[in-house]
Amino acid sequence: MNSLKKLGQRVRHCLEAGGLATGCEVEITEDLAYADLWVNDPLCSLFKQHMDLLGVPLSQGSQSENIGGSTDMGNVSQIIPGLHAIIGIEAPKGTFPHNHAFAEAVGTKDAHLRILEAAKGMALTAWSAIVDDKVFAEIQDHFDKMRKTDENLGL
């Protein structure tokens, strides 16, 4: 986010200089910025283990496979270790969140069951991190390493 802020300031200065040089008024409106999502591997592994125990097969991504997208979960994941689980809900091909077909798909009984399964997996994951100091330390260590890498890159 720091590199984005620095770049944004440079762009702002260029626009202001262009306005000054041409005698134009420059008005800049900024929207919220979304930070990159930090994938916490130990936390994701723990969630997958619990989902496997619940009989819900999952694939597990990694930071290198992070496909991005726009979510404020990236901002959260850079402040505290976070989990951004994606669960499969039956929907017509090509359906994406935030449209009518998706709204209909998540209203089904099957979707509600999948969401309850995910909620159980998340609750078990949180419980494991709370009661097991070793698990908590692994999650925190991974987060601290990502933060240090981010700082070393000047981001």
N, C-alpha and C. Protein backbone atom coordinates (compact mmCIF):
# COMPACT_ATOMS: atom_id res chain seq x y z
N MET A 1 0.82 -1.19 0.00
CA MET A 1 0.00 0.00 0.00
C MET A 1 0.87 1.26 0.00
N ASN A 2 2.03 1.17 0.66
CA ASN A 2 2.90 2.34 0.70
C ASN A 2 3.38 2.72 -0.69
N SER A 3 3.73 1.70 -1.50
CA SER A 3 4.20 2.00 -2.86
C SER A 3 3.07 2.60 -3.68
N LEU A 4 1.84 2.13 -3.45
CA LEU A 4 0.69 2.69 -4.16
C LEU A 4 0.49 4.15 -3.76
N LYS A 5 0.64 4.44 -2.48
CA LYS A 5 0.50 5.83 -2.01
C LYS A 5 1.56 6.73 -2.64
N LYS A 6 2.81 6.23 -2.69
CA LYS A 6 3.90 7.01 -3.30
C LYS A 6 3.63 7.25 -4.78
N LEU A 7 3.21 6.21 -5.48
CA LEU A 7 2.91 6.36 -6.90
C LEU A 7 1.74 7.31 -7.10
N GLY A 8 0.72 7.18 -6.26
CA GLY A 8 -0.44 8.07 -6.34
C GLY A 8 -0.05 9.52 -6.16
N GLN A 9 0.85 9.77 -5.23
CA GLN A 9 1.31 11.15 -4.99
C GLN A 9 2.06 11.69 -6.21
N ARG A 10 2.86 10.84 -6.85
CA ARG A 10 3.58 11.27 -8.06
C ARG A 10 2.60 11.61 -9.18
N VAL A 11 1.58 10.77 -9.35
CA VAL A 11 0.57 11.03 -10.38
C VAL A 11 -0.17 12.33 -10.06
N ARG A 12 -0.52 12.51 -8.80
CA ARG A 12 -1.20 13.75 -8.37
C ARG A 12 -0.35 14.97 -8.72
N HIS A 13 0.94 14.91 -8.43
CA HIS A 13 1.83 16.03 -8.74
C HIS A 13 1.89 16.30 -10.24
N CYS A 14 1.93 15.23 -11.04
CA CYS A 14 1.94 15.40 -12.50
C CYS A 14 0.67 16.09 -12.98
N LEU A 15 -0.46 15.66 -12.46
CA LEU A 15 -1.73 16.26 -12.86
C LEU A 15 -1.81 17.72 -12.43
N GLU A 16 -1.38 18.00 -11.21
CA GLU A 16 -1.39 19.38 -10.72
C GLU A 16 -0.44 20.26 -11.54
N ALA A 17 0.72 19.72 -11.90
CA ALA A 17 1.67 20.48 -12.73
C ALA A 17 1.08 20.75 -14.11
N GLY A 18 0.40 19.75 -14.67
CA GLY A 18 -0.25 19.94 -15.97
C GLY A 18 -1.32 21.00 -15.89
N GLY A 19 -2.09 20.99 -14.82
CA GLY A 19 -3.13 22.00 -14.64
C GLY A 19 -2.53 23.38 -14.49
N LEU A 20 -1.46 23.48 -13.72
CA LEU A 20 -0.78 24.76 -13.52
C LEU A 20 -0.20 25.28 -14.85
N ALA A 21 0.41 24.39 -15.61
CA ALA A 21 1.04 24.78 -16.88
C ALA A 21 0.02 25.23 -17.92
N THR A 22 -1.18 24.69 -17.87
CA THR A 22 -2.20 25.02 -18.88
C THR A 22 -3.25 25.99 -18.36
N GLY A 23 -3.15 26.38 -17.10
CA GLY A 23 -4.13 27.30 -16.54
C GLY A 23 -5.46 26.64 -16.24
N CYS A 24 -5.45 25.34 -16.07
CA CYS A 24 -6.69 24.60 -15.78
C CYS A 24 -6.77 24.27 -14.29
N GLU A 25 -7.99 24.10 -13.83
CA GLU A 25 -8.21 23.67 -12.46
C GLU A 25 -8.25 22.15 -12.43
N VAL A 26 -7.53 21.55 -11.52
CA VAL A 26 -7.48 20.09 -11.39
C VAL A 26 -8.22 19.69 -10.12
N GLU A 27 -9.18 18.79 -10.27
CA GLU A 27 -9.91 18.26 -9.12
C GLU A 27 -9.75 16.75 -9.13
N ILE A 28 -9.23 16.20 -8.06
CA ILE A 28 -8.96 14.76 -7.98
C ILE A 28 -9.82 14.16 -6.88
N THR A 29 -10.55 13.11 -7.24
CA THR A 29 -11.36 12.38 -6.27
C THR A 29 -10.79 10.97 -6.16
N GLU A 30 -10.49 10.55 -4.95
CA GLU A 30 -9.91 9.22 -4.74
C GLU A 30 -10.94 8.28 -4.15
N ASP A 31 -10.89 7.03 -4.63
CA ASP A 31 -11.72 5.97 -4.06
C ASP A 31 -10.88 5.18 -3.05
N LEU A 32 -11.53 4.29 -2.35
CA LEU A 32 -10.81 3.42 -1.42
C LEU A 32 -9.86 2.52 -2.20
N ALA A 33 -8.72 2.24 -1.62
CA ALA A 33 -7.75 1.34 -2.24
C ALA A 33 -7.81 -0.01 -1.53
N TYR A 34 -7.68 -1.06 -2.31
CA TYR A 34 -7.67 -2.41 -1.76
C TYR A 34 -6.25 -2.94 -1.78
N ALA A 35 -5.76 -3.37 -0.64
CA ALA A 35 -4.42 -3.94 -0.52
C ALA A 35 -4.42 -5.38 -1.02
N ASP A 36 -3.23 -5.86 -1.39
CA ASP A 36 -3.10 -7.26 -1.79
C ASP A 36 -3.45 -8.16 -0.62
N LEU A 37 -4.07 -9.28 -0.94
CA LEU A 37 -4.42 -10.27 0.07
C LEU A 37 -3.18 -11.07 0.45
N TRP A 38 -2.87 -11.14 1.74
CA TRP A 38 -1.78 -11.97 2.22
C TRP A 38 -2.35 -13.32 2.62
N VAL A 39 -1.91 -14.38 1.95
CA VAL A 39 -2.37 -15.73 2.24
C VAL A 39 -1.52 -16.28 3.38
N ASN A 40 -2.15 -16.60 4.49
CA ASN A 40 -1.44 -17.15 5.65
C ASN A 40 -1.49 -18.67 5.54
N ASP A 41 -0.39 -19.27 5.05
CA ASP A 41 -0.36 -20.71 4.78
C ASP A 41 -0.73 -21.58 5.98
N PRO A 42 -0.16 -21.34 7.18
CA PRO A 42 -0.55 -22.18 8.31
C PRO A 42 -2.05 -22.08 8.64
N LEU A 43 -2.60 -20.89 8.54
CA LEU A 43 -4.02 -20.70 8.82
C LEU A 43 -4.88 -21.42 7.78
N CYS A 44 -4.48 -21.31 6.51
CA CYS A 44 -5.21 -21.99 5.44
C CYS A 44 -5.12 -23.51 5.58
N SER A 45 -3.93 -24.00 5.94
CA SER A 45 -3.76 -25.45 6.14
C SER A 45 -4.64 -25.95 7.27
N LEU A 46 -4.70 -25.19 8.33
CA LEU A 46 -5.53 -25.56 9.48
C LEU A 46 -7.01 -25.60 9.09
N PHE A 47 -7.46 -24.60 8.34
CA PHE A 47 -8.85 -24.58 7.87
C PHE A 47 -9.12 -25.80 6.99
N LYS A 48 -8.20 -26.10 6.07
CA LYS A 48 -8.38 -27.26 5.19
C LYS A 48 -8.46 -28.55 6.00
N GLN A 49 -7.61 -28.69 7.01
CA GLN A 49 -7.65 -29.89 7.87
C GLN A 49 -9.02 -30.05 8.52
N HIS A 50 -9.55 -28.96 9.03
CA HIS A 50 -10.87 -29.04 9.68
C HIS A 50 -11.97 -29.33 8.67
N MET A 51 -11.89 -28.74 7.50
CA MET A 51 -12.90 -29.01 6.47
C MET A 51 -12.81 -30.47 6.02
N ASP A 52 -11.59 -31.01 5.91
CA ASP A 52 -11.43 -32.42 5.57
C ASP A 52 -12.09 -33.30 6.63
N LEU A 53 -11.89 -32.97 7.91
CA LEU A 53 -12.50 -33.73 8.99
C LEU A 53 -14.03 -33.67 8.93
N LEU A 54 -14.55 -32.55 8.43
CA LEU A 54 -16.00 -32.40 8.29
C LEU A 54 -16.52 -33.07 7.02
N GLY A 55 -15.60 -33.62 6.22
CA GLY A 55 -15.99 -34.29 4.98
C GLY A 55 -16.21 -33.35 3.81
N VAL A 56 -15.64 -32.17 3.88
CA VAL A 56 -15.79 -31.18 2.81
C VAL A 56 -14.43 -31.01 2.13
N PRO A 57 -14.26 -31.60 0.94
CA PRO A 57 -12.97 -31.49 0.27
C PRO A 57 -12.72 -30.06 -0.23
N LEU A 58 -11.51 -29.59 -0.03
CA LEU A 58 -11.11 -28.26 -0.49
C LEU A 58 -9.77 -28.34 -1.19
N SER A 59 -9.55 -27.44 -2.09
CA SER A 59 -8.20 -27.24 -2.60
C SER A 59 -7.63 -26.08 -1.79
N GLN A 60 -6.32 -26.00 -1.75
CA GLN A 60 -5.70 -24.93 -0.96
C GLN A 60 -4.78 -24.13 -1.85
N GLY A 61 -5.00 -22.83 -1.88
CA GLY A 61 -4.15 -21.94 -2.66
C GLY A 61 -2.95 -21.49 -1.85
N SER A 62 -2.13 -20.69 -2.50
CA SER A 62 -0.95 -20.13 -1.84
C SER A 62 -0.79 -18.69 -2.30
N GLN A 63 0.15 -17.98 -1.70
CA GLN A 63 0.38 -16.59 -2.07
C GLN A 63 0.73 -16.47 -3.55
N SER A 64 1.51 -17.41 -4.08
CA SER A 64 1.91 -17.33 -5.49
C SER A 64 0.74 -17.55 -6.43
N GLU A 65 -0.32 -18.21 -5.94
CA GLU A 65 -1.51 -18.44 -6.76
C GLU A 65 -2.59 -17.41 -6.53
N ASN A 66 -2.33 -16.44 -5.68
CA ASN A 66 -3.32 -15.44 -5.34
C ASN A 66 -3.77 -14.71 -6.60
N ILE A 67 -5.04 -14.88 -6.97
CA ILE A 67 -5.53 -14.30 -8.22
C ILE A 67 -6.01 -12.88 -8.07
N GLY A 68 -5.96 -12.36 -6.85
CA GLY A 68 -6.33 -10.97 -6.64
C GLY A 68 -7.82 -10.76 -6.64
N GLY A 69 -8.23 -9.68 -7.24
CA GLY A 69 -9.63 -9.28 -7.17
C GLY A 69 -9.73 -8.10 -6.23
N SER A 70 -10.91 -7.58 -6.12
CA SER A 70 -11.07 -6.41 -5.25
C SER A 70 -11.85 -6.80 -4.01
N THR A 71 -11.15 -6.82 -2.90
CA THR A 71 -11.79 -7.12 -1.63
C THR A 71 -11.04 -6.40 -0.52
N ASP A 72 -11.78 -5.92 0.45
CA ASP A 72 -11.11 -5.27 1.57
C ASP A 72 -10.47 -6.29 2.51
N MET A 73 -10.64 -7.57 2.22
CA MET A 73 -9.98 -8.60 3.03
C MET A 73 -8.46 -8.47 2.91
N GLY A 74 -7.97 -7.96 1.78
CA GLY A 74 -6.54 -7.71 1.64
C GLY A 74 -6.06 -6.71 2.68
N ASN A 75 -6.84 -5.66 2.88
CA ASN A 75 -6.48 -4.66 3.89
C ASN A 75 -6.44 -5.30 5.28
N VAL A 76 -7.42 -6.13 5.58
CA VAL A 76 -7.49 -6.80 6.89
C VAL A 76 -6.30 -7.74 7.05
N SER A 77 -5.99 -8.52 6.00
CA SER A 77 -4.93 -9.53 6.08
C SER A 77 -3.54 -8.94 6.27
N GLN A 78 -3.39 -7.64 6.06
CA GLN A 78 -2.09 -7.00 6.28
C GLN A 78 -1.99 -6.36 7.66
N ILE A 79 -3.08 -6.45 8.42
CA ILE A 79 -3.09 -5.94 9.80
C ILE A 79 -3.07 -7.09 10.80
N ILE A 80 -3.84 -8.13 10.51
CA ILE A 80 -3.87 -9.34 11.35
C ILE A 80 -3.90 -10.55 10.42
N PRO A 81 -3.44 -11.72 10.89
CA PRO A 81 -3.55 -12.91 10.05
C PRO A 81 -5.02 -13.15 9.69
N GLY A 82 -5.27 -13.45 8.44
CA GLY A 82 -6.65 -13.64 7.99
C GLY A 82 -6.80 -14.83 7.08
N LEU A 83 -8.04 -15.25 6.95
CA LEU A 83 -8.40 -16.38 6.08
C LEU A 83 -9.48 -15.90 5.13
N HIS A 84 -9.25 -16.08 3.85
CA HIS A 84 -10.25 -15.71 2.85
C HIS A 84 -10.66 -16.98 2.11
N ALA A 85 -11.51 -17.75 2.77
CA ALA A 85 -11.94 -19.03 2.20
C ALA A 85 -12.98 -18.80 1.11
N ILE A 86 -12.90 -19.63 0.10
CA ILE A 86 -13.90 -19.60 -0.98
C ILE A 86 -14.57 -20.96 -0.98
N ILE A 87 -15.88 -20.96 -0.87
CA ILE A 87 -16.62 -22.21 -0.84
C ILE A 87 -17.42 -22.35 -2.13
N GLY A 88 -17.59 -23.57 -2.57
CA GLY A 88 -18.31 -23.83 -3.82
C GLY A 88 -19.81 -23.88 -3.60
N ILE A 89 -20.52 -23.09 -4.37
CA ILE A 89 -21.98 -23.10 -4.34
C ILE A 89 -22.45 -23.32 -5.77
N GLU A 90 -23.35 -24.27 -5.95
CA GLU A 90 -23.88 -24.57 -7.29
C GLU A 90 -24.53 -23.33 -7.88
N ALA A 91 -24.09 -22.98 -9.08
CA ALA A 91 -24.64 -21.81 -9.78
C ALA A 91 -24.44 -22.02 -11.27
N PRO A 92 -25.23 -21.35 -12.10
CA PRO A 92 -25.05 -21.47 -13.54
C PRO A 92 -23.63 -21.07 -13.95
N LYS A 93 -23.12 -21.71 -14.99
CA LYS A 93 -21.77 -21.42 -15.48
C LYS A 93 -21.64 -19.92 -15.78
N GLY A 94 -20.51 -19.36 -15.38
CA GLY A 94 -20.25 -17.95 -15.63
C GLY A 94 -20.86 -17.02 -14.59
N THR A 95 -21.42 -17.59 -13.52
CA THR A 95 -22.03 -16.77 -12.47
C THR A 95 -20.94 -16.24 -11.54
N PHE A 96 -20.98 -14.97 -11.27
CA PHE A 96 -20.04 -14.33 -10.36
C PHE A 96 -20.81 -13.65 -9.24
N PRO A 97 -20.15 -13.45 -8.09
CA PRO A 97 -20.83 -12.74 -7.00
C PRO A 97 -21.34 -11.37 -7.45
N HIS A 98 -22.29 -10.88 -6.75
CA HIS A 98 -22.87 -9.54 -6.96
C HIS A 98 -23.71 -9.46 -8.24
N ASN A 99 -24.37 -10.57 -8.60
CA ASN A 99 -25.35 -10.48 -9.68
C ASN A 99 -26.58 -11.30 -9.30
N HIS A 100 -27.64 -11.18 -10.09
CA HIS A 100 -28.92 -11.82 -9.74
C HIS A 100 -28.82 -13.35 -9.69
N ALA A 101 -28.10 -13.95 -10.64
CA ALA A 101 -27.99 -15.41 -10.65
C ALA A 101 -27.30 -15.91 -9.39
N PHE A 102 -26.29 -15.19 -8.94
CA PHE A 102 -25.59 -15.58 -7.71
C PHE A 102 -26.51 -15.42 -6.50
N ALA A 103 -27.26 -14.34 -6.47
CA ALA A 103 -28.20 -14.11 -5.36
C ALA A 103 -29.20 -15.26 -5.27
N GLU A 104 -29.67 -15.74 -6.41
CA GLU A 104 -30.60 -16.88 -6.41
C GLU A 104 -29.89 -18.14 -5.94
N ALA A 105 -28.65 -18.35 -6.40
CA ALA A 105 -27.91 -19.56 -6.05
C ALA A 105 -27.65 -19.65 -4.54
N VAL A 106 -27.31 -18.53 -3.91
CA VAL A 106 -27.00 -18.57 -2.48
C VAL A 106 -28.26 -18.67 -1.62
N GLY A 107 -29.41 -18.53 -2.23
CA GLY A 107 -30.66 -18.65 -1.50
C GLY A 107 -31.18 -20.08 -1.41
N THR A 108 -30.44 -21.03 -1.99
CA THR A 108 -30.91 -22.42 -1.99
C THR A 108 -30.54 -23.13 -0.68
N LYS A 109 -31.24 -24.23 -0.42
CA LYS A 109 -30.95 -25.03 0.78
C LYS A 109 -29.53 -25.58 0.73
N ASP A 110 -29.09 -26.04 -0.46
CA ASP A 110 -27.74 -26.57 -0.61
C ASP A 110 -26.69 -25.51 -0.27
N ALA A 111 -26.91 -24.29 -0.73
CA ALA A 111 -25.97 -23.20 -0.44
C ALA A 111 -25.91 -22.92 1.06
N HIS A 112 -27.06 -22.95 1.71
CA HIS A 112 -27.08 -22.71 3.16
C HIS A 112 -26.30 -23.80 3.90
N LEU A 113 -26.43 -25.04 3.44
CA LEU A 113 -25.68 -26.13 4.07
C LEU A 113 -24.17 -25.94 3.87
N ARG A 114 -23.76 -25.52 2.67
CA ARG A 114 -22.33 -25.28 2.39
C ARG A 114 -21.80 -24.16 3.27
N ILE A 115 -22.60 -23.13 3.45
CA ILE A 115 -22.17 -22.00 4.28
C ILE A 115 -22.05 -22.42 5.75
N LEU A 116 -22.97 -23.26 6.21
CA LEU A 116 -22.88 -23.77 7.58
C LEU A 116 -21.63 -24.65 7.76
N GLU A 117 -21.31 -25.46 6.74
CA GLU A 117 -20.09 -26.27 6.80
C GLU A 117 -18.86 -25.37 6.92
N ALA A 118 -18.82 -24.33 6.11
CA ALA A 118 -17.69 -23.40 6.14
C ALA A 118 -17.61 -22.68 7.49
N ALA A 119 -18.77 -22.32 8.04
CA ALA A 119 -18.79 -21.65 9.35
C ALA A 119 -18.24 -22.58 10.43
N LYS A 120 -18.61 -23.86 10.36
CA LYS A 120 -18.08 -24.83 11.33
C LYS A 120 -16.56 -24.95 11.18
N GLY A 121 -16.10 -25.02 9.94
CA GLY A 121 -14.66 -25.11 9.70
C GLY A 121 -13.92 -23.89 10.21
N MET A 122 -14.51 -22.73 10.01
CA MET A 122 -13.88 -21.49 10.49
C MET A 122 -13.87 -21.45 12.03
N ALA A 123 -14.96 -21.89 12.64
CA ALA A 123 -15.03 -21.90 14.11
C ALA A 123 -13.99 -22.87 14.69
N LEU A 124 -13.86 -24.04 14.08
CA LEU A 124 -12.86 -25.01 14.55
C LEU A 124 -11.44 -24.47 14.36
N THR A 125 -11.23 -23.77 13.26
CA THR A 125 -9.92 -23.17 12.98
C THR A 125 -9.58 -22.12 14.03
N ALA A 126 -10.53 -21.25 14.32
CA ALA A 126 -10.32 -20.22 15.33
C ALA A 126 -10.06 -20.86 16.70
N TRP A 127 -10.85 -21.88 17.02
CA TRP A 127 -10.68 -22.56 18.31
C TRP A 127 -9.28 -23.16 18.42
N SER A 128 -8.82 -23.81 17.36
CA SER A 128 -7.48 -24.42 17.38
C SER A 128 -6.40 -23.37 17.61
N ALA A 129 -6.54 -22.22 16.98
CA ALA A 129 -5.55 -21.15 17.13
C ALA A 129 -5.59 -20.55 18.54
N ILE A 130 -6.77 -20.56 19.14
CA ILE A 130 -6.92 -19.99 20.49
C ILE A 130 -6.35 -20.91 21.56
N VAL A 131 -6.59 -22.21 21.44
CA VAL A 131 -6.23 -23.13 22.52
C VAL A 131 -4.85 -23.76 22.36
N ASP A 132 -4.25 -23.67 21.19
CA ASP A 132 -2.95 -24.31 20.95
C ASP A 132 -1.90 -23.23 20.67
N ASP A 133 -1.05 -22.99 21.65
CA ASP A 133 -0.03 -21.94 21.51
C ASP A 133 0.89 -22.18 20.33
N LYS A 134 1.21 -23.44 20.05
CA LYS A 134 2.10 -23.75 18.92
C LYS A 134 1.44 -23.37 17.60
N VAL A 135 0.18 -23.69 17.45
CA VAL A 135 -0.57 -23.34 16.23
C VAL A 135 -0.63 -21.82 16.08
N PHE A 136 -0.96 -21.15 17.17
CA PHE A 136 -1.03 -19.68 17.13
C PHE A 136 0.31 -19.09 16.72
N ALA A 137 1.40 -19.62 17.29
CA ALA A 137 2.75 -19.12 16.98
C ALA A 137 3.09 -19.32 15.51
N GLU A 138 2.72 -20.46 14.93
CA GLU A 138 2.99 -20.71 13.50
C GLU A 138 2.25 -19.69 12.63
N ILE A 139 1.01 -19.43 12.96
CA ILE A 139 0.21 -18.46 12.20
C ILE A 139 0.83 -17.07 12.33
N GLN A 140 1.19 -16.69 13.55
CA GLN A 140 1.77 -15.37 13.79
C GLN A 140 3.14 -15.24 13.14
N ASP A 141 3.97 -16.29 13.22
CA ASP A 141 5.30 -16.25 12.60
C ASP A 141 5.20 -16.04 11.10
N HIS A 142 4.28 -16.75 10.47
CA HIS A 142 4.09 -16.60 9.02
C HIS A 142 3.67 -15.17 8.69
N PHE A 143 2.76 -14.63 9.47
CA PHE A 143 2.31 -13.25 9.27
C PHE A 143 3.47 -12.27 9.43
N ASP A 144 4.27 -12.46 10.49
CA ASP A 144 5.41 -11.57 10.74
C ASP A 144 6.42 -11.63 9.59
N LYS A 145 6.65 -12.82 9.04
CA LYS A 145 7.57 -12.95 7.90
C LYS A 145 7.03 -12.22 6.67
N MET A 146 5.74 -12.31 6.44
CA MET A 146 5.14 -11.60 5.30
C MET A 146 5.27 -10.10 5.50
N ARG A 147 5.05 -9.65 6.71
CA ARG A 147 5.17 -8.21 7.00
C ARG A 147 6.62 -7.75 6.79
N LYS A 148 7.58 -8.55 7.26
CA LYS A 148 8.99 -8.19 7.10
C LYS A 148 9.35 -8.15 5.61
N THR A 149 8.89 -9.12 4.83
CA THR A 149 9.14 -9.13 3.39
C THR A 149 8.56 -7.89 2.74
N ASP A 150 7.35 -7.54 3.13
CA ASP A 150 6.68 -6.36 2.59
C ASP A 150 7.48 -5.10 2.91
N GLU A 151 7.97 -5.00 4.14
CA GLU A 151 8.76 -3.84 4.55
C GLU A 151 10.08 -3.78 3.79
N ASN A 152 10.71 -4.95 3.57
CA ASN A 152 11.98 -5.00 2.84
C ASN A 152 11.81 -4.59 1.38
N LEU A 153 10.63 -4.84 0.83
CA LEU A 153 10.37 -4.44 -0.55
C LEU A 153 9.99 -2.98 -0.65
N GLY A 154 9.81 -2.34 0.50
CA GLY A 154 9.43 -0.93 0.50
C GLY A 154 7.99 -0.69 0.14
N LEU A 155 7.15 -1.69 0.35
CA LEU A 155 5.73 -1.57 0.00
C LEU A 155 4.96 -0.93 1.13
